[in-house]
Amino acid sequence: MEQAIGILFVVVGVYLLIGLVFAVPFVTRGVGRIDPVAREGTWGFRLLIIPGILVFWPLLARRWRSGSTEPPCECNAHRRAAGGCAKGPTP
């Protein structure tokens, strides 16, 4: 059991280390490319988002790599019923 916990800590540590390495270029260049509002963000704002970057770095890397410049539209049952989603109304 102790060995499994040790392995888990190593895996989480490696994941967060990769996130930290990703966070440096993302905070300086990437955040402004995937969110136009964040482009004008201060350095205080950029420091505040680093913990989130450490956790969500795979999703942010995918968005940055794809070149999307707008946040994705949430498509749930309420938006479909209102006609605000591309998938159309729910039956």
PDB file of N, CA and C in Angstrom:
ATOM      1  N   MET A   1       0.822  -1.190   0.000  1.00  0.00           N
ATOM      2  CA  MET A   1       0.000   0.000   0.000  1.00  0.00           C
ATOM      3  C   MET A   1       0.872   1.262   0.000  1.00  0.00           C
ATOM      4  N   GLU A   2       1.929   1.268   0.792  1.00  0.00           N
ATOM      5  CA  GLU A   2       2.808   2.426   0.835  1.00  0.00           C
ATOM      6  C   GLU A   2       3.497   2.651  -0.505  1.00  0.00           C
ATOM      7  N   GLN A   3       3.822   1.569  -1.189  1.00  0.00           N
ATOM      8  CA  GLN A   3       4.456   1.695  -2.493  1.00  0.00           C
ATOM      9  C   GLN A   3       3.482   2.310  -3.502  1.00  0.00           C
ATOM     10  N   ALA A   4       2.213   1.923  -3.439  1.00  0.00           N
ATOM     11  CA  ALA A   4       1.211   2.482  -4.348  1.00  0.00           C
ATOM     12  C   ALA A   4       1.027   3.976  -4.097  1.00  0.00           C
ATOM     13  N   ILE A   5       1.039   4.376  -2.834  1.00  0.00           N
ATOM     14  CA  ILE A   5       0.908   5.790  -2.505  1.00  0.00           C
ATOM     15  C   ILE A   5       2.134   6.558  -2.994  1.00  0.00           C
ATOM     16  N   GLY A   6       3.308   5.970  -2.852  1.00  0.00           N
ATOM     17  CA  GLY A   6       4.532   6.596  -3.348  1.00  0.00           C
ATOM     18  C   GLY A   6       4.502   6.787  -4.850  1.00  0.00           C
ATOM     19  N   ILE A   7       4.021   5.779  -5.566  1.00  0.00           N
ATOM     20  CA  ILE A   7       3.907   5.876  -7.023  1.00  0.00           C
ATOM     21  C   ILE A   7       2.906   6.957  -7.399  1.00  0.00           C
ATOM     22  N   LEU A   8       1.800   7.021  -6.667  1.00  0.00           N
ATOM     23  CA  LEU A   8       0.786   8.050  -6.929  1.00  0.00           C
ATOM     24  C   LEU A   8       1.380   9.448  -6.742  1.00  0.00           C
ATOM     25  N   PHE A   9       2.141   9.648  -5.680  1.00  0.00           N
ATOM     26  CA  PHE A   9       2.770  10.948  -5.448  1.00  0.00           C
ATOM     27  C   PHE A   9       3.752  11.298  -6.563  1.00  0.00           C
ATOM     28  N   VAL A  10       4.482  10.328  -7.047  1.00  0.00           N
ATOM     29  CA  VAL A  10       5.433  10.575  -8.136  1.00  0.00           C
ATOM     30  C   VAL A  10       4.678  10.957  -9.415  1.00  0.00           C
ATOM     31  N   VAL A  11       3.611  10.248  -9.719  1.00  0.00           N
ATOM     32  CA  VAL A  11       2.824  10.542 -10.920  1.00  0.00           C
ATOM     33  C   VAL A  11       2.225  11.945 -10.835  1.00  0.00           C
ATOM     34  N   VAL A  12       1.637  12.288  -9.694  1.00  0.00           N
ATOM     35  CA  VAL A  12       1.054  13.622  -9.527  1.00  0.00           C
ATOM     36  C   VAL A  12       2.149  14.685  -9.600  1.00  0.00           C
ATOM     37  N   GLY A  13       3.296  14.414  -9.009  1.00  0.00           N
ATOM     38  CA  GLY A  13       4.399  15.362  -9.062  1.00  0.00           C
ATOM     39  C   GLY A  13       4.897  15.600 -10.472  1.00  0.00           C
ATOM     40  N   VAL A  14       5.015  14.553 -11.255  1.00  0.00           N
ATOM     41  CA  VAL A  14       5.454  14.691 -12.650  1.00  0.00           C
ATOM     42  C   VAL A  14       4.416  15.478 -13.449  1.00  0.00           C
ATOM     43  N   TYR A  15       3.135  15.185 -13.219  1.00  0.00           N
ATOM     44  CA  TYR A  15       2.050  15.900 -13.906  1.00  0.00           C
ATOM     45  C   TYR A  15       2.120  17.396 -13.602  1.00  0.00           C
ATOM     46  N   LEU A  16       2.299  17.745 -12.326  1.00  0.00           N
ATOM     47  CA  LEU A  16       2.378  19.151 -11.942  1.00  0.00           C
ATOM     48  C   LEU A  16       3.661  19.807 -12.442  1.00  0.00           C
ATOM     49  N   LEU A  17       4.749  19.064 -12.505  1.00  0.00           N
ATOM     50  CA  LEU A  17       6.000  19.601 -13.036  1.00  0.00           C
ATOM     51  C   LEU A  17       5.859  19.922 -14.520  1.00  0.00           C
ATOM     52  N   ILE A  18       5.221  19.044 -15.259  1.00  0.00           N
ATOM     53  CA  ILE A  18       4.957  19.320 -16.675  1.00  0.00           C
ATOM     54  C   ILE A  18       4.069  20.556 -16.791  1.00  0.00           C
ATOM     55  N   GLY A  19       3.071  20.665 -15.917  1.00  0.00           N
ATOM     56  CA  GLY A  19       2.212  21.843 -15.906  1.00  0.00           C
ATOM     57  C   GLY A  19       2.973  23.115 -15.625  1.00  0.00           C
ATOM     58  N   LEU A  20       3.944  23.058 -14.719  1.00  0.00           N
ATOM     59  CA  LEU A  20       4.750  24.237 -14.404  1.00  0.00           C
ATOM     60  C   LEU A  20       5.620  24.634 -15.592  1.00  0.00           C
ATOM     61  N   VAL A  21       6.200  23.655 -16.256  1.00  0.00           N
ATOM     62  CA  VAL A  21       7.010  23.938 -17.443  1.00  0.00           C
ATOM     63  C   VAL A  21       6.137  24.531 -18.548  1.00  0.00           C
ATOM     64  N   PHE A  22       4.914  24.036 -18.682  1.00  0.00           N
ATOM     65  CA  PHE A  22       3.979  24.563 -19.675  1.00  0.00           C
ATOM     66  C   PHE A  22       3.502  25.962 -19.292  1.00  0.00           C
ATOM     67  N   ALA A  23       3.344  26.232 -17.999  1.00  0.00           N
ATOM     68  CA  ALA A  23       2.764  27.497 -17.535  1.00  0.00           C
ATOM     69  C   ALA A  23       3.607  28.703 -17.917  1.00  0.00           C
ATOM     70  N   VAL A  24       4.929  28.557 -17.945  1.00  0.00           N
ATOM     71  CA  VAL A  24       5.792  29.709 -18.222  1.00  0.00           C
ATOM     72  C   VAL A  24       5.529  30.289 -19.615  1.00  0.00           C
ATOM     73  N   PRO A  25       5.611  29.512 -20.687  1.00  0.00           N
ATOM     74  CA  PRO A  25       5.313  30.108 -21.997  1.00  0.00           C
ATOM     75  C   PRO A  25       3.827  30.426 -22.170  1.00  0.00           C
ATOM     76  N   PHE A  26       2.966  29.655 -21.519  1.00  0.00           N
ATOM     77  CA  PHE A  26       1.538  29.913 -21.670  1.00  0.00           C
ATOM     78  C   PHE A  26       1.153  31.249 -21.043  1.00  0.00           C
ATOM     79  N   VAL A  27       1.703  31.557 -19.879  1.00  0.00           N
ATOM     80  CA  VAL A  27       1.373  32.819 -19.213  1.00  0.00           C
ATOM     81  C   VAL A  27       1.918  33.999 -20.015  1.00  0.00           C
ATOM     82  N   THR A  28       3.077  33.834 -20.619  1.00  0.00           N
ATOM     83  CA  THR A  28       3.667  34.956 -21.345  1.00  0.00           C
ATOM     84  C   THR A  28       3.070  35.149 -22.737  1.00  0.00           C
ATOM     85  N   ARG A  29       2.736  34.052 -23.443  1.00  0.00           N
ATOM     86  CA  ARG A  29       2.252  34.188 -24.816  1.00  0.00           C
ATOM     87  C   ARG A  29       0.893  33.540 -25.061  1.00  0.00           C
ATOM     88  N   GLY A  30       0.652  32.380 -24.492  1.00  0.00           N
ATOM     89  CA  GLY A  30      -0.512  31.584 -24.869  1.00  0.00           C
ATOM     90  C   GLY A  30      -1.844  32.098 -24.387  1.00  0.00           C
ATOM     91  N   VAL A  31      -1.893  32.628 -23.172  1.00  0.00           N
ATOM     92  CA  VAL A  31      -3.179  33.036 -22.629  1.00  0.00           C
ATOM     93  C   VAL A  31      -3.804  34.146 -23.468  1.00  0.00           C
ATOM     94  N   GLY A  32      -2.993  35.026 -24.008  1.00  0.00           N
ATOM     95  CA  GLY A  32      -3.513  36.088 -24.859  1.00  0.00           C
ATOM     96  C   GLY A  32      -3.974  35.595 -26.213  1.00  0.00           C
ATOM     97  N   ARG A  33      -3.468  34.461 -26.634  1.00  0.00           N
ATOM     98  CA  ARG A  33      -3.882  33.916 -27.936  1.00  0.00           C
ATOM     99  C   ARG A  33      -5.195  33.157 -27.862  1.00  0.00           C
ATOM    100  N   ILE A  34      -5.469  32.501 -26.737  1.00  0.00           N
ATOM    101  CA  ILE A  34      -6.716  31.729 -26.679  1.00  0.00           C
ATOM    102  C   ILE A  34      -7.865  32.523 -26.070  1.00  0.00           C
ATOM    103  N   ASP A  35      -7.588  33.663 -25.434  1.00  0.00           N
ATOM    104  CA  ASP A  35      -8.636  34.482 -24.844  1.00  0.00           C
ATOM    105  C   ASP A  35      -8.302  35.951 -25.072  1.00  0.00           C
ATOM    106  N   PRO A  36      -9.028  36.627 -25.958  1.00  0.00           N
ATOM    107  CA  PRO A  36      -8.703  38.018 -26.266  1.00  0.00           C
ATOM    108  C   PRO A  36      -8.798  38.942 -25.050  1.00  0.00           C
ATOM    109  N   VAL A  37      -9.686  38.673 -24.127  1.00  0.00           N
ATOM    110  CA  VAL A  37      -9.819  39.514 -22.941  1.00  0.00           C
ATOM    111  C   VAL A  37      -8.589  39.373 -22.048  1.00  0.00           C
ATOM    112  N   ALA A  38      -8.041  38.162 -21.948  1.00  0.00           N
ATOM    113  CA  ALA A  38      -6.864  37.928 -21.113  1.00  0.00           C
ATOM    114  C   ALA A  38      -5.614  38.556 -21.697  1.00  0.00           C
ATOM    115  N   ARG A  39      -5.659  38.920 -22.961  1.00  0.00           N
ATOM    116  CA  ARG A  39      -4.504  39.557 -23.593  1.00  0.00           C
ATOM    117  C   ARG A  39      -4.117  40.837 -22.861  1.00  0.00           C
ATOM    118  N   GLU A  40      -5.116  41.528 -22.330  1.00  0.00           N
ATOM    119  CA  GLU A  40      -4.875  42.783 -21.613  1.00  0.00           C
ATOM    120  C   GLU A  40      -4.668  42.561 -20.117  1.00  0.00           C
ATOM    121  N   GLY A  41      -4.590  41.313 -19.683  1.00  0.00           N
ATOM    122  CA  GLY A  41      -4.437  41.002 -18.264  1.00  0.00           C
ATOM    123  C   GLY A  41      -3.096  41.461 -17.705  1.00  0.00           C
ATOM    124  N   THR A  42      -3.119  41.849 -16.446  1.00  0.00           N
ATOM    125  CA  THR A  42      -1.897  42.297 -15.785  1.00  0.00           C
ATOM    126  C   THR A  42      -1.069  41.088 -15.362  1.00  0.00           C
ATOM    127  N   TRP A  43       0.148  41.366 -14.879  1.00  0.00           N
ATOM    128  CA  TRP A  43       0.991  40.276 -14.383  1.00  0.00           C
ATOM    129  C   TRP A  43       0.410  39.677 -13.113  1.00  0.00           C
ATOM    130  N   GLY A  44      -0.330  40.467 -12.347  1.00  0.00           N
ATOM    131  CA  GLY A  44      -1.003  39.919 -11.169  1.00  0.00           C
ATOM    132  C   GLY A  44      -2.034  38.877 -11.555  1.00  0.00           C
ATOM    133  N   PHE A  45      -2.805  39.176 -12.612  1.00  0.00           N
ATOM    134  CA  PHE A  45      -3.777  38.216 -13.126  1.00  0.00           C
ATOM    135  C   PHE A  45      -3.080  36.948 -13.611  1.00  0.00           C
ATOM    136  N   ARG A  46      -1.989  37.129 -14.319  1.00  0.00           N
ATOM    137  CA  ARG A  46      -1.274  35.970 -14.862  1.00  0.00           C
ATOM    138  C   ARG A  46      -0.697  35.093 -13.759  1.00  0.00           C
ATOM    139  N   LEU A  47      -0.245  35.707 -12.677  1.00  0.00           N
ATOM    140  CA  LEU A  47       0.233  34.911 -11.542  1.00  0.00           C
ATOM    141  C   LEU A  47      -0.916  34.168 -10.868  1.00  0.00           C
ATOM    142  N   LEU A  48      -2.088  34.789 -10.817  1.00  0.00           N
ATOM    143  CA  LEU A  48      -3.237  34.145 -10.185  1.00  0.00           C
ATOM    144  C   LEU A  48      -3.733  32.920 -10.946  1.00  0.00           C
ATOM    145  N   ILE A  49      -3.553  32.892 -12.258  1.00  0.00           N
ATOM    146  CA  ILE A  49      -4.071  31.753 -13.026  1.00  0.00           C
ATOM    147  C   ILE A  49      -3.094  30.586 -13.102  1.00  0.00           C
ATOM    148  N   ILE A  50      -1.881  30.746 -12.597  1.00  0.00           N
ATOM    149  CA  ILE A  50      -0.892  29.662 -12.664  1.00  0.00           C
ATOM    150  C   ILE A  50      -1.373  28.378 -11.978  1.00  0.00           C
ATOM    151  N   PRO A  51      -2.001  28.414 -10.785  1.00  0.00           N
ATOM    152  CA  PRO A  51      -2.479  27.141 -10.214  1.00  0.00           C
ATOM    153  C   PRO A  51      -3.483  26.408 -11.111  1.00  0.00           C
ATOM    154  N   GLY A  52      -4.347  27.148 -11.776  1.00  0.00           N
ATOM    155  CA  GLY A  52      -5.279  26.519 -12.706  1.00  0.00           C
ATOM    156  C   GLY A  52      -4.582  25.944 -13.917  1.00  0.00           C
ATOM    157  N   ILE A  53      -3.544  26.629 -14.381  1.00  0.00           N
ATOM    158  CA  ILE A  53      -2.769  26.128 -15.518  1.00  0.00           C
ATOM    159  C   ILE A  53      -2.082  24.823 -15.148  1.00  0.00           C
ATOM    160  N   LEU A  54      -1.562  24.741 -13.921  1.00  0.00           N
ATOM    161  CA  LEU A  54      -0.893  23.512 -13.484  1.00  0.00           C
ATOM    162  C   LEU A  54      -1.839  22.316 -13.547  1.00  0.00           C
ATOM    163  N   VAL A  55      -3.106  22.534 -13.260  1.00  0.00           N
ATOM    164  CA  VAL A  55      -4.076  21.436 -13.244  1.00  0.00           C
ATOM    165  C   VAL A  55      -4.629  21.154 -14.639  1.00  0.00           C
ATOM    166  N   PHE A  56      -4.955  22.198 -15.381  1.00  0.00           N
ATOM    167  CA  PHE A  56      -5.647  22.018 -16.661  1.00  0.00           C
ATOM    168  C   PHE A  56      -4.739  22.176 -17.873  1.00  0.00           C
ATOM    169  N   TRP A  57      -3.436  21.968 -17.706  1.00  0.00           N
ATOM    170  CA  TRP A  57      -2.518  22.193 -18.815  1.00  0.00           C
ATOM    171  C   TRP A  57      -2.807  21.348 -20.051  1.00  0.00           C
ATOM    172  N   PRO A  58      -3.290  20.107 -19.952  1.00  0.00           N
ATOM    173  CA  PRO A  58      -3.557  19.386 -21.211  1.00  0.00           C
ATOM    174  C   PRO A  58      -4.668  20.035 -22.038  1.00  0.00           C
ATOM    175  N   LEU A  59      -5.718  20.517 -21.374  1.00  0.00           N
ATOM    176  CA  LEU A  59      -6.812  21.171 -22.098  1.00  0.00           C
ATOM    177  C   LEU A  59      -6.359  22.494 -22.701  1.00  0.00           C
ATOM    178  N   LEU A  60      -5.605  23.258 -21.935  1.00  0.00           N
ATOM    179  CA  LEU A  60      -5.115  24.540 -22.428  1.00  0.00           C
ATOM    180  C   LEU A  60      -4.126  24.346 -23.567  1.00  0.00           C
ATOM    181  N   ALA A  61      -3.294  23.330 -23.487  1.00  0.00           N
ATOM    182  CA  ALA A  61      -2.344  23.050 -24.574  1.00  0.00           C
ATOM    183  C   ALA A  61      -3.086  22.687 -25.856  1.00  0.00           C
ATOM    184  N   ARG A  62      -4.155  21.921 -25.722  1.00  0.00           N
ATOM    185  CA  ARG A  62      -4.938  21.549 -26.909  1.00  0.00           C
ATOM    186  C   ARG A  62      -5.582  22.777 -27.551  1.00  0.00           C
ATOM    187  N   ARG A  63      -6.145  23.672 -26.724  1.00  0.00           N
ATOM    188  CA  ARG A  63      -6.766  24.884 -27.259  1.00  0.00           C
ATOM    189  C   ARG A  63      -5.717  25.796 -27.896  1.00  0.00           C
ATOM    190  N   TRP A  64      -4.562  25.913 -27.262  1.00  0.00           N
ATOM    191  CA  TRP A  64      -3.505  26.768 -27.795  1.00  0.00           C
ATOM    192  C   TRP A  64      -2.996  26.211 -29.117  1.00  0.00           C
ATOM    193  N   ARG A  65      -2.812  24.893 -29.181  1.00  0.00           N
ATOM    194  CA  ARG A  65      -2.318  24.252 -30.397  1.00  0.00           C
ATOM    195  C   ARG A  65      -3.318  24.354 -31.542  1.00  0.00           C
ATOM    196  N   SER A  66      -4.619  24.266 -31.219  1.00  0.00           N
ATOM    197  CA  SER A  66      -5.636  24.327 -32.268  1.00  0.00           C
ATOM    198  C   SER A  66      -5.807  25.722 -32.835  1.00  0.00           C
ATOM    199  N   GLY A  67      -5.339  26.731 -32.097  1.00  0.00           N
ATOM    200  CA  GLY A  67      -5.436  28.097 -32.589  1.00  0.00           C
ATOM    201  C   GLY A  67      -6.779  28.746 -32.341  1.00  0.00           C
ATOM    202  N   SER A  68      -7.615  28.158 -31.489  1.00  0.00           N
ATOM    203  CA  SER A  68      -8.914  28.767 -31.207  1.00  0.00           C
ATOM    204  C   SER A  68      -8.711  30.047 -30.419  1.00  0.00           C
ATOM    205  N   THR A  69      -9.465  31.086 -30.793  1.00  0.00           N
ATOM    206  CA  THR A  69      -9.304  32.386 -30.155  1.00  0.00           C
ATOM    207  C   THR A  69     -10.496  32.772 -29.298  1.00  0.00           C
ATOM    208  N   GLU A  70     -11.537  32.002 -29.292  1.00  0.00           N
ATOM    209  CA  GLU A  70     -12.719  32.289 -28.490  1.00  0.00           C
ATOM    210  C   GLU A  70     -13.006  31.109 -27.574  1.00  0.00           C
ATOM    211  N   PRO A  71     -13.535  31.371 -26.377  1.00  0.00           N
ATOM    212  CA  PRO A  71     -13.918  30.266 -25.498  1.00  0.00           C
ATOM    213  C   PRO A  71     -15.001  29.423 -26.168  1.00  0.00           C
ATOM    214  N   PRO A  72     -15.016  28.111 -25.932  1.00  0.00           N
ATOM    215  CA  PRO A  72     -16.025  27.266 -26.561  1.00  0.00           C
ATOM    216  C   PRO A  72     -17.421  27.576 -26.029  1.00  0.00           C
ATOM    217  N   CYS A  73     -18.417  27.415 -26.876  1.00  0.00           N
ATOM    218  CA  CYS A  73     -19.804  27.644 -26.485  1.00  0.00           C
ATOM    219  C   CYS A  73     -20.310  26.414 -25.735  1.00  0.00           C
ATOM    220  N   GLU A  74     -20.874  26.638 -24.574  1.00  0.00           N
ATOM    221  CA  GLU A  74     -21.442  25.541 -23.812  1.00  0.00           C
ATOM    222  C   GLU A  74     -22.751  25.128 -24.457  1.00  0.00           C
ATOM    223  N   CYS A  75     -22.876  23.873 -24.819  1.00  0.00           N
ATOM    224  CA  CYS A  75     -24.078  23.379 -25.480  1.00  0.00           C
ATOM    225  C   CYS A  75     -24.775  22.399 -24.538  1.00  0.00           C
ATOM    226  N   ASN A  76     -25.733  22.917 -23.776  1.00  0.00           N
ATOM    227  CA  ASN A  76     -26.489  22.065 -22.862  1.00  0.00           C
ATOM    228  C   ASN A  76     -27.964  22.082 -23.253  1.00  0.00           C
ATOM    229  N   ALA A  77     -28.786  21.365 -22.524  1.00  0.00           N
ATOM    230  CA  ALA A  77     -30.210  21.246 -22.868  1.00  0.00           C
ATOM    231  C   ALA A  77     -30.913  22.600 -22.881  1.00  0.00           C
ATOM    232  N   HIS A  78     -30.566  23.474 -21.975  1.00  0.00           N
ATOM    233  CA  HIS A  78     -31.212  24.782 -21.910  1.00  0.00           C
ATOM    234  C   HIS A  78     -30.877  25.638 -23.124  1.00  0.00           C
ATOM    235  N   ARG A  79     -29.629  25.628 -23.543  1.00  0.00           N
ATOM    236  CA  ARG A  79     -29.253  26.406 -24.723  1.00  0.00           C
ATOM    237  C   ARG A  79     -29.856  25.808 -25.989  1.00  0.00           C
ATOM    238  N   ARG A  80     -29.927  24.473 -26.066  1.00  0.00           N
ATOM    239  CA  ARG A  80     -30.548  23.854 -27.240  1.00  0.00           C
ATOM    240  C   ARG A  80     -32.023  24.199 -27.310  1.00  0.00           C
ATOM    241  N   ALA A  81     -32.713  24.195 -26.179  1.00  0.00           N
ATOM    242  CA  ALA A  81     -34.136  24.522 -26.152  1.00  0.00           C
ATOM    243  C   ALA A  81     -34.371  25.971 -26.552  1.00  0.00           C
ATOM    244  N   ALA A  82     -33.448  26.855 -26.211  1.00  0.00           N
ATOM    245  CA  ALA A  82     -33.582  28.264 -26.559  1.00  0.00           C
ATOM    246  C   ALA A  82     -33.115  28.545 -27.982  1.00  0.00           C
ATOM    247  N   GLY A  83     -32.563  27.551 -28.650  1.00  0.00           N
ATOM    248  CA  GLY A  83     -32.087  27.732 -30.010  1.00  0.00           C
ATOM    249  C   GLY A  83     -30.732  28.393 -30.093  1.00  0.00           C
ATOM    250  N   GLY A  84     -29.994  28.440 -28.991  1.00  0.00           N
ATOM    251  CA  GLY A  84     -28.704  29.090 -28.969  1.00  0.00           C
ATOM    252  C   GLY A  84     -27.541  28.160 -29.170  1.00  0.00           C
ATOM    253  N   CYS A  85     -27.807  26.954 -29.626  1.00  0.00           N
ATOM    254  CA  CYS A  85     -26.737  25.987 -29.809  1.00  0.00           C
ATOM    255  C   CYS A  85     -26.854  25.376 -31.196  1.00  0.00           C
ATOM    256  N   ALA A  86     -25.751  25.069 -31.804  1.00  0.00           N
ATOM    257  CA  ALA A  86     -25.747  24.572 -33.174  1.00  0.00           C
ATOM    258  C   ALA A  86     -26.378  23.186 -33.317  1.00  0.00           C
ATOM    259  N   LYS A  87     -26.527  22.444 -32.234  1.00  0.00           N
ATOM    260  CA  LYS A  87     -27.059  21.085 -32.322  1.00  0.00           C
ATOM    261  C   LYS A  87     -28.580  21.058 -32.436  1.00  0.00           C
ATOM    262  N   GLY A  88     -29.236  22.195 -32.328  1.00  0.00           N
ATOM    263  CA  GLY A  88     -30.678  22.266 -32.491  1.00  0.00           C
ATOM    264  C   GLY A  88     -31.416  21.942 -31.197  1.00  0.00           C
ATOM    265  N   PRO A  89     -32.733  22.101 -31.203  1.00  0.00           N
ATOM    266  CA  PRO A  89     -33.523  21.871 -29.996  1.00  0.00           C
ATOM    267  C   PRO A  89     -33.592  20.392 -29.643  1.00  0.00           C
ATOM    268  N   THR A  90     -33.759  20.121 -28.376  1.00  0.00           N
ATOM    269  CA  THR A  90     -33.904  18.732 -27.928  1.00  0.00           C
ATOM    270  C   THR A  90     -35.324  18.273 -28.159  1.00  0.00           C
ATOM    271  N   PRO A  91     -35.527  17.008 -28.410  1.00  0.00           N
ATOM    272  CA  PRO A  91     -36.895  16.505 -28.648  1.00  0.00           C
ATOM    273  C   PRO A  91     -37.742  16.535 -27.397  1.00  0.00           C
TER     274      PRO A  91
END
